[in-house]
Amino acid sequence: DSNKIRQSLADRNITACIPPKKNRKSKPSYDWHLYKKRHLIENMFAKLKDWRRVATRYDRCAHTFMSTIHIAASFVFYLKE
């Protein structure tokens, strides 16, 4: 949450989805709804990394690794707790 990071993202036409720190003097605005969606995606990656084979990437071939991710994502999606 620094101006340097925000400027770097803006230079590349990327919308910063970073909530400002509570003790920051000038608080830049951010899209709360976009941040909520980003949080859901980060949670999905965390659930995928619970699978040891995905977290450590045992597969050498990218195609095999992607197949493993698809299987893990299917299990995570269909077997919600």
PDB file of N, CA and C in Angstrom:
ATOM      1  N   ASP A   1       0.838  -1.180   0.000  1.00  0.00           N
ATOM      2  CA  ASP A   1       0.000   0.000   0.000  1.00  0.00           C
ATOM      3  C   ASP A   1       0.883   1.243   0.000  1.00  0.00           C
ATOM      4  N   SER A   2       1.576   1.434  -1.094  1.00  0.00           N
ATOM      5  CA  SER A   2       2.396   2.634  -1.204  1.00  0.00           C
ATOM      6  C   SER A   2       2.088   3.328  -2.525  1.00  0.00           C
ATOM      7  N   ASN A   3       2.406   4.601  -2.583  1.00  0.00           N
ATOM      8  CA  ASN A   3       2.171   5.355  -3.809  1.00  0.00           C
ATOM      9  C   ASN A   3       3.015   4.817  -4.957  1.00  0.00           C
ATOM     10  N   LYS A   4       4.188   4.288  -4.626  1.00  0.00           N
ATOM     11  CA  LYS A   4       5.084   3.746  -5.649  1.00  0.00           C
ATOM     12  C   LYS A   4       4.445   2.540  -6.347  1.00  0.00           C
ATOM     13  N   ILE A   5       3.852   1.661  -5.569  1.00  0.00           N
ATOM     14  CA  ILE A   5       3.193   0.479  -6.134  1.00  0.00           C
ATOM     15  C   ILE A   5       1.981   0.899  -6.952  1.00  0.00           C
ATOM     16  N   ARG A   6       1.193   1.795  -6.416  1.00  0.00           N
ATOM     17  CA  ARG A   6      -0.003   2.255  -7.128  1.00  0.00           C
ATOM     18  C   ARG A   6       0.365   2.934  -8.448  1.00  0.00           C
ATOM     19  N   GLN A   7       1.429   3.720  -8.445  1.00  0.00           N
ATOM     20  CA  GLN A   7       1.855   4.403  -9.667  1.00  0.00           C
ATOM     21  C   GLN A   7       2.369   3.403 -10.694  1.00  0.00           C
ATOM     22  N   SER A   8       3.096   2.395 -10.233  1.00  0.00           N
ATOM     23  CA  SER A   8       3.597   1.353 -11.134  1.00  0.00           C
ATOM     24  C   SER A   8       2.442   0.616 -11.806  1.00  0.00           C
ATOM     25  N   LEU A   9       1.398   0.317 -11.044  1.00  0.00           N
ATOM     26  CA  LEU A   9       0.221  -0.344 -11.605  1.00  0.00           C
ATOM     27  C   LEU A   9      -0.513   0.574 -12.581  1.00  0.00           C
ATOM     28  N   ALA A  10      -0.639   1.833 -12.229  1.00  0.00           N
ATOM     29  CA  ALA A  10      -1.335   2.792 -13.093  1.00  0.00           C
ATOM     30  C   ALA A  10      -0.593   2.983 -14.418  1.00  0.00           C
ATOM     31  N   ASP A  11       0.733   2.937 -14.386  1.00  0.00           N
ATOM     32  CA  ASP A  11       1.524   3.068 -15.610  1.00  0.00           C
ATOM     33  C   ASP A  11       1.252   1.926 -16.577  1.00  0.00           C
ATOM     34  N   ARG A  12       0.878   0.773 -16.034  1.00  0.00           N
ATOM     35  CA  ARG A  12       0.589  -0.406 -16.869  1.00  0.00           C
ATOM     36  C   ARG A  12      -0.915  -0.597 -17.093  1.00  0.00           C
ATOM     37  N   ASN A  13      -1.701   0.424 -16.813  1.00  0.00           N
ATOM     38  CA  ASN A  13      -3.169   0.396 -16.974  1.00  0.00           C
ATOM     39  C   ASN A  13      -3.825  -0.711 -16.164  1.00  0.00           C
ATOM     40  N   ILE A  14      -3.345  -0.915 -14.952  1.00  0.00           N
ATOM     41  CA  ILE A  14      -3.905  -1.906 -14.037  1.00  0.00           C
ATOM     42  C   ILE A  14      -4.593  -1.160 -12.903  1.00  0.00           C
ATOM     43  N   THR A  15      -5.820  -1.551 -12.608  1.00  0.00           N
ATOM     44  CA  THR A  15      -6.559  -0.932 -11.516  1.00  0.00           C
ATOM     45  C   THR A  15      -6.101  -1.530 -10.192  1.00  0.00           C
ATOM     46  N   ALA A  16      -5.616  -0.699  -9.304  1.00  0.00           N
ATOM     47  CA  ALA A  16      -5.167  -1.170  -7.993  1.00  0.00           C
ATOM     48  C   ALA A  16      -6.374  -1.550  -7.150  1.00  0.00           C
ATOM     49  N   CYS A  17      -6.313  -2.727  -6.596  1.00  0.00           N
ATOM     50  CA  CYS A  17      -7.408  -3.220  -5.753  1.00  0.00           C
ATOM     51  C   CYS A  17      -6.839  -3.462  -4.355  1.00  0.00           C
ATOM     52  N   ILE A  18      -6.210  -2.438  -3.816  1.00  0.00           N
ATOM     53  CA  ILE A  18      -5.518  -2.540  -2.539  1.00  0.00           C
ATOM     54  C   ILE A  18      -6.192  -1.603  -1.551  1.00  0.00           C
ATOM     55  N   PRO A  19      -6.762  -2.131  -0.466  1.00  0.00           N
ATOM     56  CA  PRO A  19      -7.350  -1.225   0.525  1.00  0.00           C
ATOM     57  C   PRO A  19      -6.248  -0.467   1.263  1.00  0.00           C
ATOM     58  N   PRO A  20      -6.465   0.808   1.569  1.00  0.00           N
ATOM     59  CA  PRO A  20      -5.432   1.577   2.265  1.00  0.00           C
ATOM     60  C   PRO A  20      -5.296   1.143   3.722  1.00  0.00           C
ATOM     61  N   LYS A  21      -4.093   1.306   4.258  1.00  0.00           N
ATOM     62  CA  LYS A  21      -3.879   1.011   5.674  1.00  0.00           C
ATOM     63  C   LYS A  21      -4.681   1.999   6.517  1.00  0.00           C
ATOM     64  N   LYS A  22      -5.077   1.572   7.677  1.00  0.00           N
ATOM     65  CA  LYS A  22      -5.937   2.413   8.518  1.00  0.00           C
ATOM     66  C   LYS A  22      -5.225   3.663   9.025  1.00  0.00           C
ATOM     67  N   ASN A  23      -3.903   3.593   9.177  1.00  0.00           N
ATOM     68  CA  ASN A  23      -3.179   4.743   9.721  1.00  0.00           C
ATOM     69  C   ASN A  23      -2.628   5.662   8.625  1.00  0.00           C
ATOM     70  N   ARG A  24      -3.010   5.437   7.387  1.00  0.00           N
ATOM     71  CA  ARG A  24      -2.544   6.278   6.291  1.00  0.00           C
ATOM     72  C   ARG A  24      -3.274   7.619   6.317  1.00  0.00           C
ATOM     73  N   LYS A  25      -2.534   8.711   6.110  1.00  0.00           N
ATOM     74  CA  LYS A  25      -3.123  10.049   6.196  1.00  0.00           C
ATOM     75  C   LYS A  25      -4.056  10.329   5.018  1.00  0.00           C
ATOM     76  N   SER A  26      -3.559  10.173   3.806  1.00  0.00           N
ATOM     77  CA  SER A  26      -4.419  10.389   2.629  1.00  0.00           C
ATOM     78  C   SER A  26      -4.818   9.019   2.086  1.00  0.00           C
ATOM     79  N   LYS A  27      -6.071   8.680   2.261  1.00  0.00           N
ATOM     80  CA  LYS A  27      -6.542   7.344   1.883  1.00  0.00           C
ATOM     81  C   LYS A  27      -7.083   7.354   0.453  1.00  0.00           C
ATOM     82  N   PRO A  28      -6.385   6.668  -0.457  1.00  0.00           N
ATOM     83  CA  PRO A  28      -6.905   6.583  -1.824  1.00  0.00           C
ATOM     84  C   PRO A  28      -8.123   5.665  -1.877  1.00  0.00           C
ATOM     85  N   SER A  29      -8.985   5.909  -2.821  1.00  0.00           N
ATOM     86  CA  SER A  29     -10.191   5.086  -2.926  1.00  0.00           C
ATOM     87  C   SER A  29      -9.860   3.758  -3.602  1.00  0.00           C
ATOM     88  N   TYR A  30     -10.691   2.764  -3.335  1.00  0.00           N
ATOM     89  CA  TYR A  30     -10.561   1.467  -3.994  1.00  0.00           C
ATOM     90  C   TYR A  30     -11.946   0.866  -4.130  1.00  0.00           C
ATOM     91  N   ASP A  31     -12.098  -0.025  -5.084  1.00  0.00           N
ATOM     92  CA  ASP A  31     -13.390  -0.651  -5.352  1.00  0.00           C
ATOM     93  C   ASP A  31     -13.581  -1.826  -4.398  1.00  0.00           C
ATOM     94  N   TRP A  32     -14.482  -1.674  -3.432  1.00  0.00           N
ATOM     95  CA  TRP A  32     -14.706  -2.692  -2.413  1.00  0.00           C
ATOM     96  C   TRP A  32     -15.231  -3.984  -3.021  1.00  0.00           C
ATOM     97  N   HIS A  33     -16.106  -3.880  -4.009  1.00  0.00           N
ATOM     98  CA  HIS A  33     -16.685  -5.071  -4.641  1.00  0.00           C
ATOM     99  C   HIS A  33     -15.619  -5.853  -5.413  1.00  0.00           C
ATOM    100  N   LEU A  34     -14.734  -5.143  -6.091  1.00  0.00           N
ATOM    101  CA  LEU A  34     -13.643  -5.795  -6.807  1.00  0.00           C
ATOM    102  C   LEU A  34     -12.694  -6.477  -5.825  1.00  0.00           C
ATOM    103  N   TYR A  35     -12.438  -5.829  -4.690  1.00  0.00           N
ATOM    104  CA  TYR A  35     -11.574  -6.425  -3.672  1.00  0.00           C
ATOM    105  C   TYR A  35     -12.198  -7.699  -3.113  1.00  0.00           C
ATOM    106  N   LYS A  36     -13.513  -7.712  -2.937  1.00  0.00           N
ATOM    107  CA  LYS A  36     -14.204  -8.892  -2.423  1.00  0.00           C
ATOM    108  C   LYS A  36     -14.053 -10.063  -3.398  1.00  0.00           C
ATOM    109  N   LYS A  37     -14.162  -9.789  -4.691  1.00  0.00           N
ATOM    110  CA  LYS A  37     -13.974 -10.839  -5.696  1.00  0.00           C
ATOM    111  C   LYS A  37     -12.532 -11.329  -5.705  1.00  0.00           C
ATOM    112  N   ARG A  38     -11.589 -10.415  -5.548  1.00  0.00           N
ATOM    113  CA  ARG A  38     -10.176 -10.783  -5.507  1.00  0.00           C
ATOM    114  C   ARG A  38      -9.912 -11.710  -4.328  1.00  0.00           C
ATOM    115  N   HIS A  39     -10.537 -11.427  -3.209  1.00  0.00           N
ATOM    116  CA  HIS A  39     -10.371 -12.243  -2.010  1.00  0.00           C
ATOM    117  C   HIS A  39     -10.875 -13.666  -2.252  1.00  0.00           C
ATOM    118  N   LEU A  40     -11.978 -13.808  -2.967  1.00  0.00           N
ATOM    119  CA  LEU A  40     -12.505 -15.137  -3.291  1.00  0.00           C
ATOM    120  C   LEU A  40     -11.524 -15.924  -4.158  1.00  0.00           C
ATOM    121  N   ILE A  41     -10.900 -15.260  -5.112  1.00  0.00           N
ATOM    122  CA  ILE A  41      -9.920 -15.921  -5.980  1.00  0.00           C
ATOM    123  C   ILE A  41      -8.708 -16.359  -5.165  1.00  0.00           C
ATOM    124  N   GLU A  42      -8.241 -15.503  -4.258  1.00  0.00           N
ATOM    125  CA  GLU A  42      -7.102 -15.866  -3.413  1.00  0.00           C
ATOM    126  C   GLU A  42      -7.433 -17.061  -2.530  1.00  0.00           C
ATOM    127  N   ASN A  43      -8.673 -17.131  -2.041  1.00  0.00           N
ATOM    128  CA  ASN A  43      -9.091 -18.287  -1.240  1.00  0.00           C
ATOM    129  C   ASN A  43      -9.096 -19.558  -2.073  1.00  0.00           C
ATOM    130  N   MET A  44      -9.493 -19.455  -3.336  1.00  0.00           N
ATOM    131  CA  MET A  44      -9.491 -20.624  -4.215  1.00  0.00           C
ATOM    132  C   MET A  44      -8.072 -21.140  -4.413  1.00  0.00           C
ATOM    133  N   PHE A  45      -7.111 -20.240  -4.625  1.00  0.00           N
ATOM    134  CA  PHE A  45      -5.720 -20.667  -4.766  1.00  0.00           C
ATOM    135  C   PHE A  45      -5.213 -21.317  -3.481  1.00  0.00           C
ATOM    136  N   ALA A  46      -5.630 -20.803  -2.346  1.00  0.00           N
ATOM    137  CA  ALA A  46      -5.224 -21.400  -1.068  1.00  0.00           C
ATOM    138  C   ALA A  46      -5.770 -22.818  -0.943  1.00  0.00           C
ATOM    139  N   LYS A  47      -7.013 -23.031  -1.377  1.00  0.00           N
ATOM    140  CA  LYS A  47      -7.593 -24.376  -1.320  1.00  0.00           C
ATOM    141  C   LYS A  47      -6.891 -25.317  -2.288  1.00  0.00           C
ATOM    142  N   LEU A  48      -6.497 -24.803  -3.452  1.00  0.00           N
ATOM    143  CA  LEU A  48      -5.769 -25.646  -4.406  1.00  0.00           C
ATOM    144  C   LEU A  48      -4.408 -26.047  -3.857  1.00  0.00           C
ATOM    145  N   LYS A  49      -3.780 -25.145  -3.114  1.00  0.00           N
ATOM    146  CA  LYS A  49      -2.458 -25.445  -2.569  1.00  0.00           C
ATOM    147  C   LYS A  49      -2.507 -26.422  -1.404  1.00  0.00           C
ATOM    148  N   ASP A  50      -3.709 -26.746  -0.927  1.00  0.00           N
ATOM    149  CA  ASP A  50      -3.838 -27.816   0.061  1.00  0.00           C
ATOM    150  C   ASP A  50      -3.484 -29.163  -0.560  1.00  0.00           C
ATOM    151  N   TRP A  51      -3.589 -29.245  -1.863  1.00  0.00           N
ATOM    152  CA  TRP A  51      -3.215 -30.458  -2.580  1.00  0.00           C
ATOM    153  C   TRP A  51      -1.697 -30.445  -2.745  1.00  0.00           C
ATOM    154  N   ARG A  52      -1.040 -31.409  -2.163  1.00  0.00           N
ATOM    155  CA  ARG A  52       0.421 -31.447  -2.144  1.00  0.00           C
ATOM    156  C   ARG A  52       1.013 -31.447  -3.550  1.00  0.00           C
ATOM    157  N   ARG A  53       0.400 -32.172  -4.441  1.00  0.00           N
ATOM    158  CA  ARG A  53       0.917 -32.266  -5.803  1.00  0.00           C
ATOM    159  C   ARG A  53       0.858 -30.911  -6.523  1.00  0.00           C
ATOM    160  N   VAL A  54      -0.138 -30.111  -6.215  1.00  0.00           N
ATOM    161  CA  VAL A  54      -0.258 -28.783  -6.831  1.00  0.00           C
ATOM    162  C   VAL A  54       0.713 -27.809  -6.172  1.00  0.00           C
ATOM    163  N   ALA A  55       0.815 -27.866  -4.853  1.00  0.00           N
ATOM    164  CA  ALA A  55       1.653 -26.909  -4.114  1.00  0.00           C
ATOM    165  C   ALA A  55       3.129 -27.056  -4.466  1.00  0.00           C
ATOM    166  N   THR A  56       3.593 -28.292  -4.670  1.00  0.00           N
ATOM    167  CA  THR A  56       5.020 -28.505  -4.928  1.00  0.00           C
ATOM    168  C   THR A  56       5.339 -28.717  -6.397  1.00  0.00           C
ATOM    169  N   ARG A  57       4.325 -28.886  -7.216  1.00  0.00           N
ATOM    170  CA  ARG A  57       4.468 -29.114  -8.660  1.00  0.00           C
ATOM    171  C   ARG A  57       5.463 -30.231  -8.962  1.00  0.00           C
ATOM    172  N   TYR A  58       5.033 -31.438  -8.693  1.00  0.00           N
ATOM    173  CA  TYR A  58       5.845 -32.611  -8.992  1.00  0.00           C
ATOM    174  C   TYR A  58       5.936 -32.871 -10.494  1.00  0.00           C
ATOM    175  N   ASP A  59       4.935 -32.479 -11.238  1.00  0.00           N
ATOM    176  CA  ASP A  59       4.884 -32.781 -12.667  1.00  0.00           C
ATOM    177  C   ASP A  59       5.837 -31.887 -13.445  1.00  0.00           C
ATOM    178  N   ARG A  60       6.583 -32.499 -14.353  1.00  0.00           N
ATOM    179  CA  ARG A  60       7.504 -31.723 -15.182  1.00  0.00           C
ATOM    180  C   ARG A  60       6.792 -31.108 -16.380  1.00  0.00           C
ATOM    181  N   CYS A  61       5.858 -31.841 -16.921  1.00  0.00           N
ATOM    182  CA  CYS A  61       5.138 -31.388 -18.112  1.00  0.00           C
ATOM    183  C   CYS A  61       4.028 -30.403 -17.704  1.00  0.00           C
ATOM    184  N   ALA A  62       3.964 -29.287 -18.392  1.00  0.00           N
ATOM    185  CA  ALA A  62       2.956 -28.266 -18.067  1.00  0.00           C
ATOM    186  C   ALA A  62       1.542 -28.795 -18.279  1.00  0.00           C
ATOM    187  N   HIS A  63       1.369 -29.634 -19.303  1.00  0.00           N
ATOM    188  CA  HIS A  63       0.044 -30.197 -19.593  1.00  0.00           C
ATOM    189  C   HIS A  63      -0.424 -31.091 -18.443  1.00  0.00           C
ATOM    190  N   THR A  64       0.475 -31.907 -17.913  1.00  0.00           N
ATOM    191  CA  THR A  64       0.134 -32.791 -16.798  1.00  0.00           C
ATOM    192  C   THR A  64      -0.178 -31.980 -15.544  1.00  0.00           C
ATOM    193  N   PHE A  65       0.601 -30.943 -15.309  1.00  0.00           N
ATOM    194  CA  PHE A  65       0.370 -30.085 -14.145  1.00  0.00           C
ATOM    195  C   PHE A  65      -0.992 -29.397 -14.238  1.00  0.00           C
ATOM    196  N   MET A  66      -1.330 -28.913 -15.436  1.00  0.00           N
ATOM    197  CA  MET A  66      -2.623 -28.258 -15.620  1.00  0.00           C
ATOM    198  C   MET A  66      -3.760 -29.253 -15.427  1.00  0.00           C
ATOM    199  N   SER A  67      -3.567 -30.485 -15.834  1.00  0.00           N
ATOM    200  CA  SER A  67      -4.587 -31.518 -15.611  1.00  0.00           C
ATOM    201  C   SER A  67      -4.791 -31.744 -14.120  1.00  0.00           C
ATOM    202  N   THR A  68      -3.700 -31.741 -13.368  1.00  0.00           N
ATOM    203  CA  THR A  68      -3.786 -31.900 -11.916  1.00  0.00           C
ATOM    204  C   THR A  68      -4.563 -30.742 -11.297  1.00  0.00           C
ATOM    205  N   ILE A  69      -4.315 -29.539 -11.771  1.00  0.00           N
ATOM    206  CA  ILE A  69      -5.037 -28.371 -11.259  1.00  0.00           C
ATOM    207  C   ILE A  69      -6.527 -28.488 -11.571  1.00  0.00           C
ATOM    208  N   HIS A  70      -6.857 -28.967 -12.750  1.00  0.00           N
ATOM    209  CA  HIS A  70      -8.272 -29.129 -13.123  1.00  0.00           C
ATOM    210  C   HIS A  70      -8.960 -30.145 -12.216  1.00  0.00           C
ATOM    211  N   ILE A  71      -8.286 -31.244 -11.936  1.00  0.00           N
ATOM    212  CA  ILE A  71      -8.865 -32.267 -11.056  1.00  0.00           C
ATOM    213  C   ILE A  71      -9.051 -31.702  -9.650  1.00  0.00           C
ATOM    214  N   ALA A  72      -8.024 -31.022  -9.138  1.00  0.00           N
ATOM    215  CA  ALA A  72      -8.108 -30.446  -7.795  1.00  0.00           C
ATOM    216  C   ALA A  72      -9.216 -29.398  -7.721  1.00  0.00           C
ATOM    217  N   ALA A  73      -9.318 -28.553  -8.741  1.00  0.00           N
ATOM    218  CA  ALA A  73     -10.361 -27.523  -8.753  1.00  0.00           C
ATOM    219  C   ALA A  73     -11.750 -28.154  -8.802  1.00  0.00           C
ATOM    220  N   SER A  74     -11.877 -29.245  -9.539  1.00  0.00           N
ATOM    221  CA  SER A  74     -13.170 -29.945  -9.597  1.00  0.00           C
ATOM    222  C   SER A  74     -13.559 -30.478  -8.232  1.00  0.00           C
ATOM    223  N   PHE A  75     -12.602 -31.086  -7.536  1.00  0.00           N
ATOM    224  CA  PHE A  75     -12.885 -31.601  -6.199  1.00  0.00           C
ATOM    225  C   PHE A  75     -13.231 -30.472  -5.237  1.00  0.00           C
ATOM    226  N   VAL A  76     -12.481 -29.389  -5.290  1.00  0.00           N
ATOM    227  CA  VAL A  76     -12.747 -28.255  -4.399  1.00  0.00           C
ATOM    228  C   VAL A  76     -14.133 -27.684  -4.674  1.00  0.00           C
ATOM    229  N   PHE A  77     -14.495 -27.578  -5.945  1.00  0.00           N
ATOM    230  CA  PHE A  77     -15.791 -27.003  -6.308  1.00  0.00           C
ATOM    231  C   PHE A  77     -16.953 -27.911  -5.916  1.00  0.00           C
ATOM    232  N   TYR A  78     -16.832 -29.199  -6.196  1.00  0.00           N
ATOM    233  CA  TYR A  78     -17.949 -30.115  -5.953  1.00  0.00           C
ATOM    234  C   TYR A  78     -18.030 -30.633  -4.526  1.00  0.00           C
ATOM    235  N   LEU A  79     -16.934 -30.608  -3.819  1.00  0.00           N
ATOM    236  CA  LEU A  79     -16.931 -31.109  -2.443  1.00  0.00           C
ATOM    237  C   LEU A  79     -16.759 -29.970  -1.452  1.00  0.00           C
ATOM    238  N   LYS A  80     -17.523 -28.899  -1.635  1.00  0.00           N
ATOM    239  CA  LYS A  80     -17.437 -27.752  -0.718  1.00  0.00           C
ATOM    240  C   LYS A  80     -17.788 -28.197   0.686  1.00  0.00           C
ATOM    241  N   GLU A  81     -17.083 -27.619   1.628  1.00  0.00           N
ATOM    242  CA  GLU A  81     -17.354 -27.958   3.034  1.00  0.00           C
ATOM    243  C   GLU A  81     -18.286 -26.942   3.637  1.00  0.00           C
TER     244      GLU A  81
END
